[in-house]
């Protein structure tokens, strides 16, 4: 049985819904909202330019939270961090998937990933890291057209507060400019001790 939130009468999927009208149905013991007209709200944002490409080209690294540039990729500190030191590893080339990268590009991204995780552990005090790639618009990526890897450090005693629970918002309790400076130094120190394929790029 399907019930409308606004009127007390049973409806079916074939009935016409008014704009903004939402149906509620019971399925497997849970309430499910059926709101097909809201589909347009969740379409990927249309952009005239890729924010990663723009920020890489502008060479204003501190402004755009660019932590370190390598030959084939760049490390950003997330503008919307979920935890302290949340990083993005982004290839210079504007591609959507790993298969579009060259073997050299993929290899360096993995090396930079390893370096990022080590810095999170050894310098920021993380006890673990979530690492992942959202490829394509269906995965929730905010920039689905430009491949990027997320590095999310995890810390002991990191608790979600009531603000997370009731508003789905995060509270940043650390100094982002200082974390950027710390990460920048840590990457400079790390690459100074690791001069293989991680040379600084002219991008």
C-alpha atoms as a PDB file:
ATOM      1  CA  UNK A   1       0.000   0.000   0.000  1.00  0.00           C
ATOM      2  CA  UNK A   2       1.346   3.454  -0.964  1.00  0.00           C
ATOM      3  CA  UNK A   3       0.308   6.541   0.924  1.00  0.00           C
ATOM      4  CA  UNK A   4       0.790  10.201   0.116  1.00  0.00           C
ATOM      5  CA  UNK A   5       2.251  12.385   2.821  1.00  0.00           C
ATOM      6  CA  UNK A   6      -0.087  15.246   1.944  1.00  0.00           C
ATOM      7  CA  UNK A   7      -3.380  13.421   1.578  1.00  0.00           C
ATOM      8  CA  UNK A   8      -4.837  10.459   3.408  1.00  0.00           C
ATOM      9  CA  UNK A   9      -5.635   8.256   0.428  1.00  0.00           C
ATOM     10  CA  UNK A  10      -3.925   5.285  -1.200  1.00  0.00           C
ATOM     11  CA  UNK A  11      -2.137   5.966  -4.481  1.00  0.00           C
ATOM     12  CA  UNK A  12      -0.365   3.851  -7.044  1.00  0.00           C
ATOM     13  CA  UNK A  13       2.687   4.488  -9.221  1.00  0.00           C
ATOM     14  CA  UNK A  14       0.375   5.162 -12.151  1.00  0.00           C
ATOM     15  CA  UNK A  15      -1.277   8.128 -10.434  1.00  0.00           C
ATOM     16  CA  UNK A  16      -0.120  11.595 -11.457  1.00  0.00           C
ATOM     17  CA  UNK A  17       1.948  13.385  -8.797  1.00  0.00           C
ATOM     18  CA  UNK A  18       1.719  17.098  -8.198  1.00  0.00           C
ATOM     19  CA  UNK A  19       5.023  19.031  -8.304  1.00  0.00           C
ATOM     20  CA  UNK A  20       6.964  18.333  -5.123  1.00  0.00           C
ATOM     21  CA  UNK A  21       4.537  15.647  -3.991  1.00  0.00           C
ATOM     22  CA  UNK A  22       6.141  12.699  -2.227  1.00  0.00           C
ATOM     23  CA  UNK A  23       4.724   9.239  -1.692  1.00  0.00           C
ATOM     24  CA  UNK A  24       5.586   7.080   1.264  1.00  0.00           C
ATOM     25  CA  UNK A  25       5.397   3.320   1.121  1.00  0.00           C
ATOM     26  CA  UNK A  26       6.203   0.489   3.438  1.00  0.00           C
ATOM     27  CA  UNK A  27       8.644  -2.104   2.158  1.00  0.00           C
ATOM     28  CA  UNK A  28      10.413  -4.791   4.162  1.00  0.00           C
ATOM     29  CA  UNK A  29       9.509  -3.022   7.391  1.00  0.00           C
ATOM     30  CA  UNK A  30      10.999   0.317   6.343  1.00  0.00           C
ATOM     31  CA  UNK A  31       9.487   3.543   5.087  1.00  0.00           C
ATOM     32  CA  UNK A  32      10.639   4.507   1.596  1.00  0.00           C
ATOM     33  CA  UNK A  33      10.026   7.898   0.054  1.00  0.00           C
ATOM     34  CA  UNK A  34       9.041   7.855  -3.605  1.00  0.00           C
ATOM     35  CA  UNK A  35       9.713  11.237  -5.232  1.00  0.00           C
ATOM     36  CA  UNK A  36      10.486  10.784  -8.936  1.00  0.00           C
ATOM     37  CA  UNK A  37      10.128  14.476  -9.758  1.00  0.00           C
ATOM     38  CA  UNK A  38      13.149  15.226  -7.592  1.00  0.00           C
ATOM     39  CA  UNK A  39      15.426  13.300  -9.925  1.00  0.00           C
ATOM     40  CA  UNK A  40      16.478  16.510 -11.655  1.00  0.00           C
ATOM     41  CA  UNK A  41      17.760  17.924  -8.361  1.00  0.00           C
ATOM     42  CA  UNK A  42      20.457  15.263  -8.117  1.00  0.00           C
ATOM     43  CA  UNK A  43      21.918  15.642 -11.603  1.00  0.00           C
ATOM     44  CA  UNK A  44      25.693  16.339 -11.666  1.00  0.00           C
ATOM     45  CA  UNK A  45      26.513  20.027 -11.477  1.00  0.00           C
ATOM     46  CA  UNK A  46      27.215  21.572 -14.854  1.00  0.00           C
ATOM     47  CA  UNK A  47      30.573  23.299 -15.055  1.00  0.00           C
ATOM     48  CA  UNK A  48      32.136  25.338 -17.803  1.00  0.00           C
ATOM     49  CA  UNK A  49      35.640  24.351 -16.658  1.00  0.00           C
ATOM     50  CA  UNK A  50      37.226  21.643 -14.560  1.00  0.00           C
ATOM     51  CA  UNK A  51      38.168  23.064 -11.132  1.00  0.00           C
ATOM     52  CA  UNK A  52      41.220  20.781 -10.898  1.00  0.00           C
ATOM     53  CA  UNK A  53      42.537  21.870 -14.304  1.00  0.00           C
ATOM     54  CA  UNK A  54      41.950  25.547 -13.491  1.00  0.00           C
ATOM     55  CA  UNK A  55      43.657  25.373 -10.105  1.00  0.00           C
ATOM     56  CA  UNK A  56      46.624  23.410 -11.435  1.00  0.00           C
ATOM     57  CA  UNK A  57      47.139  25.911 -14.261  1.00  0.00           C
ATOM     58  CA  UNK A  58      46.942  28.989 -12.044  1.00  0.00           C
ATOM     59  CA  UNK A  59      50.061  28.014 -10.038  1.00  0.00           C
ATOM     60  CA  UNK A  60      48.720  29.550  -6.824  1.00  0.00           C
ATOM     61  CA  UNK A  61      49.421  26.502  -4.738  1.00  0.00           C
ATOM     62  CA  UNK A  62      48.754  27.842  -1.261  1.00  0.00           C
ATOM     63  CA  UNK A  63      45.521  29.511  -2.358  1.00  0.00           C
ATOM     64  CA  UNK A  64      44.242  26.289  -3.944  1.00  0.00           C
ATOM     65  CA  UNK A  65      45.692  24.011  -1.231  1.00  0.00           C
ATOM     66  CA  UNK A  66      48.092  22.299  -3.629  1.00  0.00           C
ATOM     67  CA  UNK A  67      50.419  20.404  -1.309  1.00  0.00           C
ATOM     68  CA  UNK A  68      52.906  18.961  -3.792  1.00  0.00           C
ATOM     69  CA  UNK A  69      53.407  18.700  -7.559  1.00  0.00           C
ATOM     70  CA  UNK A  70      54.968  15.631  -9.129  1.00  0.00           C
ATOM     71  CA  UNK A  71      55.785  14.700 -12.693  1.00  0.00           C
ATOM     72  CA  UNK A  72      52.404  13.138 -13.505  1.00  0.00           C
ATOM     73  CA  UNK A  73      50.116  14.134 -10.650  1.00  0.00           C
ATOM     74  CA  UNK A  74      49.470  16.652  -7.907  1.00  0.00           C
ATOM     75  CA  UNK A  75      48.392  16.351  -4.279  1.00  0.00           C
ATOM     76  CA  UNK A  76      45.668  18.692  -3.050  1.00  0.00           C
ATOM     77  CA  UNK A  77      44.427  19.119   0.477  1.00  0.00           C
ATOM     78  CA  UNK A  78      40.649  18.760   0.304  1.00  0.00           C
ATOM     79  CA  UNK A  79      38.757  22.036   0.421  1.00  0.00           C
ATOM     80  CA  UNK A  80      35.966  20.161   2.229  1.00  0.00           C
ATOM     81  CA  UNK A  81      37.898  17.793   4.493  1.00  0.00           C
ATOM     82  CA  UNK A  82      36.183  15.038   6.420  1.00  0.00           C
ATOM     83  CA  UNK A  83      39.210  14.613   8.684  1.00  0.00           C
ATOM     84  CA  UNK A  84      42.501  16.401   9.296  1.00  0.00           C
ATOM     85  CA  UNK A  85      44.830  15.944   6.339  1.00  0.00           C
ATOM     86  CA  UNK A  86      42.169  14.750   3.877  1.00  0.00           C
ATOM     87  CA  UNK A  87      44.059  14.679   0.553  1.00  0.00           C
ATOM     88  CA  UNK A  88      43.259  14.296  -3.146  1.00  0.00           C
ATOM     89  CA  UNK A  89      45.731  12.815  -5.637  1.00  0.00           C
ATOM     90  CA  UNK A  90      44.923  14.177  -9.092  1.00  0.00           C
ATOM     91  CA  UNK A  91      46.614  13.376 -12.430  1.00  0.00           C
ATOM     92  CA  UNK A  92      47.473  16.381 -14.563  1.00  0.00           C
ATOM     93  CA  UNK A  93      45.720  14.924 -17.566  1.00  0.00           C
ATOM     94  CA  UNK A  94      41.957  15.394 -17.637  1.00  0.00           C
ATOM     95  CA  UNK A  95      40.775  11.775 -17.802  1.00  0.00           C
ATOM     96  CA  UNK A  96      37.810   9.936 -16.326  1.00  0.00           C
ATOM     97  CA  UNK A  97      39.256   6.515 -15.521  1.00  0.00           C
ATOM     98  CA  UNK A  98      42.444   4.657 -14.645  1.00  0.00           C
ATOM     99  CA  UNK A  99      42.427   2.906 -18.006  1.00  0.00           C
ATOM    100  CA  UNK A 100      42.980   6.264 -19.730  1.00  0.00           C
ATOM    101  CA  UNK A 101      46.223   6.838 -17.837  1.00  0.00           C
ATOM    102  CA  UNK A 102      49.582   5.608 -19.059  1.00  0.00           C
ATOM    103  CA  UNK A 103      51.397   2.901 -17.069  1.00  0.00           C
ATOM    104  CA  UNK A 104      53.855   5.562 -15.892  1.00  0.00           C
ATOM    105  CA  UNK A 105      51.052   7.795 -14.645  1.00  0.00           C
ATOM    106  CA  UNK A 106      49.331   4.954 -12.800  1.00  0.00           C
ATOM    107  CA  UNK A 107      52.603   3.845 -11.241  1.00  0.00           C
ATOM    108  CA  UNK A 108      53.390   7.307  -9.935  1.00  0.00           C
ATOM    109  CA  UNK A 109      49.903   7.794  -8.504  1.00  0.00           C
ATOM    110  CA  UNK A 110      50.368   4.585  -6.497  1.00  0.00           C
ATOM    111  CA  UNK A 111      53.791   5.768  -5.287  1.00  0.00           C
ATOM    112  CA  UNK A 112      52.344   9.135  -4.284  1.00  0.00           C
ATOM    113  CA  UNK A 113      49.464   7.347  -2.572  1.00  0.00           C
ATOM    114  CA  UNK A 114      51.941   5.307  -0.550  1.00  0.00           C
ATOM    115  CA  UNK A 115      53.839   8.476   0.392  1.00  0.00           C
ATOM    116  CA  UNK A 116      50.587  10.227   1.402  1.00  0.00           C
ATOM    117  CA  UNK A 117      49.537   7.358   3.659  1.00  0.00           C
ATOM    118  CA  UNK A 118      52.990   7.234   5.267  1.00  0.00           C
ATOM    119  CA  UNK A 119      52.882  10.979   5.957  1.00  0.00           C
ATOM    120  CA  UNK A 120      49.384  10.680   7.434  1.00  0.00           C
ATOM    121  CA  UNK A 121      50.607   7.924   9.759  1.00  0.00           C
ATOM    122  CA  UNK A 122      54.054   9.191  10.696  1.00  0.00           C
ATOM    123  CA  UNK A 123      53.517  12.960  10.707  1.00  0.00           C
ATOM    124  CA  UNK A 124      49.817  13.568  11.390  1.00  0.00           C
ATOM    125  CA  UNK A 125      49.304  10.739  13.853  1.00  0.00           C
ATOM    126  CA  UNK A 126      46.669   8.844  11.866  1.00  0.00           C
ATOM    127  CA  UNK A 127      46.017   5.259  12.927  1.00  0.00           C
ATOM    128  CA  UNK A 128      44.606   4.284   9.528  1.00  0.00           C
ATOM    129  CA  UNK A 129      43.506   5.655   6.167  1.00  0.00           C
ATOM    130  CA  UNK A 130      40.544   5.216   3.878  1.00  0.00           C
ATOM    131  CA  UNK A 131      41.670   5.250   0.250  1.00  0.00           C
ATOM    132  CA  UNK A 132      39.311   5.275  -2.697  1.00  0.00           C
ATOM    133  CA  UNK A 133      38.414   6.430  -6.187  1.00  0.00           C
ATOM    134  CA  UNK A 134      34.948   7.535  -7.271  1.00  0.00           C
ATOM    135  CA  UNK A 135      34.845   7.007 -11.028  1.00  0.00           C
ATOM    136  CA  UNK A 136      31.835   8.384 -12.837  1.00  0.00           C
ATOM    137  CA  UNK A 137      28.793  10.480 -11.905  1.00  0.00           C
ATOM    138  CA  UNK A 138      26.949   7.566 -10.318  1.00  0.00           C
ATOM    139  CA  UNK A 139      29.528   7.247  -7.547  1.00  0.00           C
ATOM    140  CA  UNK A 140      28.944  10.618  -5.919  1.00  0.00           C
ATOM    141  CA  UNK A 141      32.141  12.223  -7.220  1.00  0.00           C
ATOM    142  CA  UNK A 142      31.906  16.007  -7.123  1.00  0.00           C
ATOM    143  CA  UNK A 143      34.221  16.261 -10.149  1.00  0.00           C
ATOM    144  CA  UNK A 144      33.319  13.088 -12.075  1.00  0.00           C
ATOM    145  CA  UNK A 145      35.124  14.023 -15.296  1.00  0.00           C
ATOM    146  CA  UNK A 146      38.608  14.330 -13.751  1.00  0.00           C
ATOM    147  CA  UNK A 147      39.897  11.220 -12.037  1.00  0.00           C
ATOM    148  CA  UNK A 148      41.118  11.709  -8.475  1.00  0.00           C
ATOM    149  CA  UNK A 149      42.010   9.504  -5.529  1.00  0.00           C
ATOM    150  CA  UNK A 150      40.897  10.280  -1.980  1.00  0.00           C
ATOM    151  CA  UNK A 151      43.167   9.747   1.042  1.00  0.00           C
ATOM    152  CA  UNK A 152      41.196  10.071   4.273  1.00  0.00           C
ATOM    153  CA  UNK A 153      43.289   9.766   7.462  1.00  0.00           C
ATOM    154  CA  UNK A 154      41.594   8.294  10.526  1.00  0.00           C
ATOM    155  CA  UNK A 155      42.446   9.167  14.122  1.00  0.00           C
ATOM    156  CA  UNK A 156      41.827   7.671  17.552  1.00  0.00           C
ATOM    157  CA  UNK A 157      38.892   9.046  19.519  1.00  0.00           C
ATOM    158  CA  UNK A 158      37.368  10.686  16.444  1.00  0.00           C
ATOM    159  CA  UNK A 159      33.702  10.916  17.362  1.00  0.00           C
ATOM    160  CA  UNK A 160      30.785  12.182  15.354  1.00  0.00           C
ATOM    161  CA  UNK A 161      29.049  14.963  17.247  1.00  0.00           C
ATOM    162  CA  UNK A 162      25.369  15.803  17.391  1.00  0.00           C
ATOM    163  CA  UNK A 163      25.975  18.282  14.543  1.00  0.00           C
ATOM    164  CA  UNK A 164      26.967  15.404  12.251  1.00  0.00           C
ATOM    165  CA  UNK A 165      23.908  13.441  13.299  1.00  0.00           C
ATOM    166  CA  UNK A 166      21.189  16.074  13.040  1.00  0.00           C
ATOM    167  CA  UNK A 167      22.444  18.207  10.162  1.00  0.00           C
ATOM    168  CA  UNK A 168      24.809  15.972   8.159  1.00  0.00           C
ATOM    169  CA  UNK A 169      27.448  18.709   8.458  1.00  0.00           C
ATOM    170  CA  UNK A 170      31.055  18.515   9.568  1.00  0.00           C
ATOM    171  CA  UNK A 171      32.886  20.770  11.988  1.00  0.00           C
ATOM    172  CA  UNK A 172      36.503  21.620  11.111  1.00  0.00           C
ATOM    173  CA  UNK A 173      38.380  21.996  14.376  1.00  0.00           C
ATOM    174  CA  UNK A 174      41.884  22.335  12.960  1.00  0.00           C
ATOM    175  CA  UNK A 175      43.758  25.196  11.318  1.00  0.00           C
ATOM    176  CA  UNK A 176      43.625  24.406   7.592  1.00  0.00           C
ATOM    177  CA  UNK A 177      46.395  26.838   6.535  1.00  0.00           C
ATOM    178  CA  UNK A 178      48.676  25.330   9.186  1.00  0.00           C
ATOM    179  CA  UNK A 179      47.856  21.777   8.098  1.00  0.00           C
ATOM    180  CA  UNK A 180      48.640  22.797   4.503  1.00  0.00           C
ATOM    181  CA  UNK A 181      52.019  24.180   5.587  1.00  0.00           C
ATOM    182  CA  UNK A 182      52.750  21.023   7.586  1.00  0.00           C
ATOM    183  CA  UNK A 183      51.813  18.724   4.706  1.00  0.00           C
ATOM    184  CA  UNK A 184      53.810  20.803   2.242  1.00  0.00           C
ATOM    185  CA  UNK A 185      56.904  20.493   4.428  1.00  0.00           C
ATOM    186  CA  UNK A 186      56.380  16.772   5.002  1.00  0.00           C
ATOM    187  CA  UNK A 187      56.099  16.112   1.253  1.00  0.00           C
ATOM    188  CA  UNK A 188      59.182  18.229   0.537  1.00  0.00           C
ATOM    189  CA  UNK A 189      61.118  16.272   3.161  1.00  0.00           C
ATOM    190  CA  UNK A 190      59.824  12.948   1.829  1.00  0.00           C
ATOM    191  CA  UNK A 191      60.684  13.687  -1.791  1.00  0.00           C
ATOM    192  CA  UNK A 192      64.097  14.949  -0.757  1.00  0.00           C
ATOM    193  CA  UNK A 193      64.751  11.474   0.591  1.00  0.00           C
ATOM    194  CA  UNK A 194      63.124   9.700  -2.341  1.00  0.00           C
ATOM    195  CA  UNK A 195      64.511  10.982  -5.628  1.00  0.00           C
ATOM    196  CA  UNK A 196      63.370   8.155  -7.920  1.00  0.00           C
ATOM    197  CA  UNK A 197      60.460   8.987 -10.233  1.00  0.00           C
ATOM    198  CA  UNK A 198      58.900  11.521  -7.869  1.00  0.00           C
ATOM    199  CA  UNK A 199      60.722  14.540  -9.240  1.00  0.00           C
ATOM    200  CA  UNK A 200      59.107  17.957  -9.125  1.00  0.00           C
ATOM    201  CA  UNK A 201      57.132  18.874 -12.214  1.00  0.00           C
ATOM    202  CA  UNK A 202      57.130  22.076 -14.244  1.00  0.00           C
ATOM    203  CA  UNK A 203      53.323  21.970 -14.534  1.00  0.00           C
END
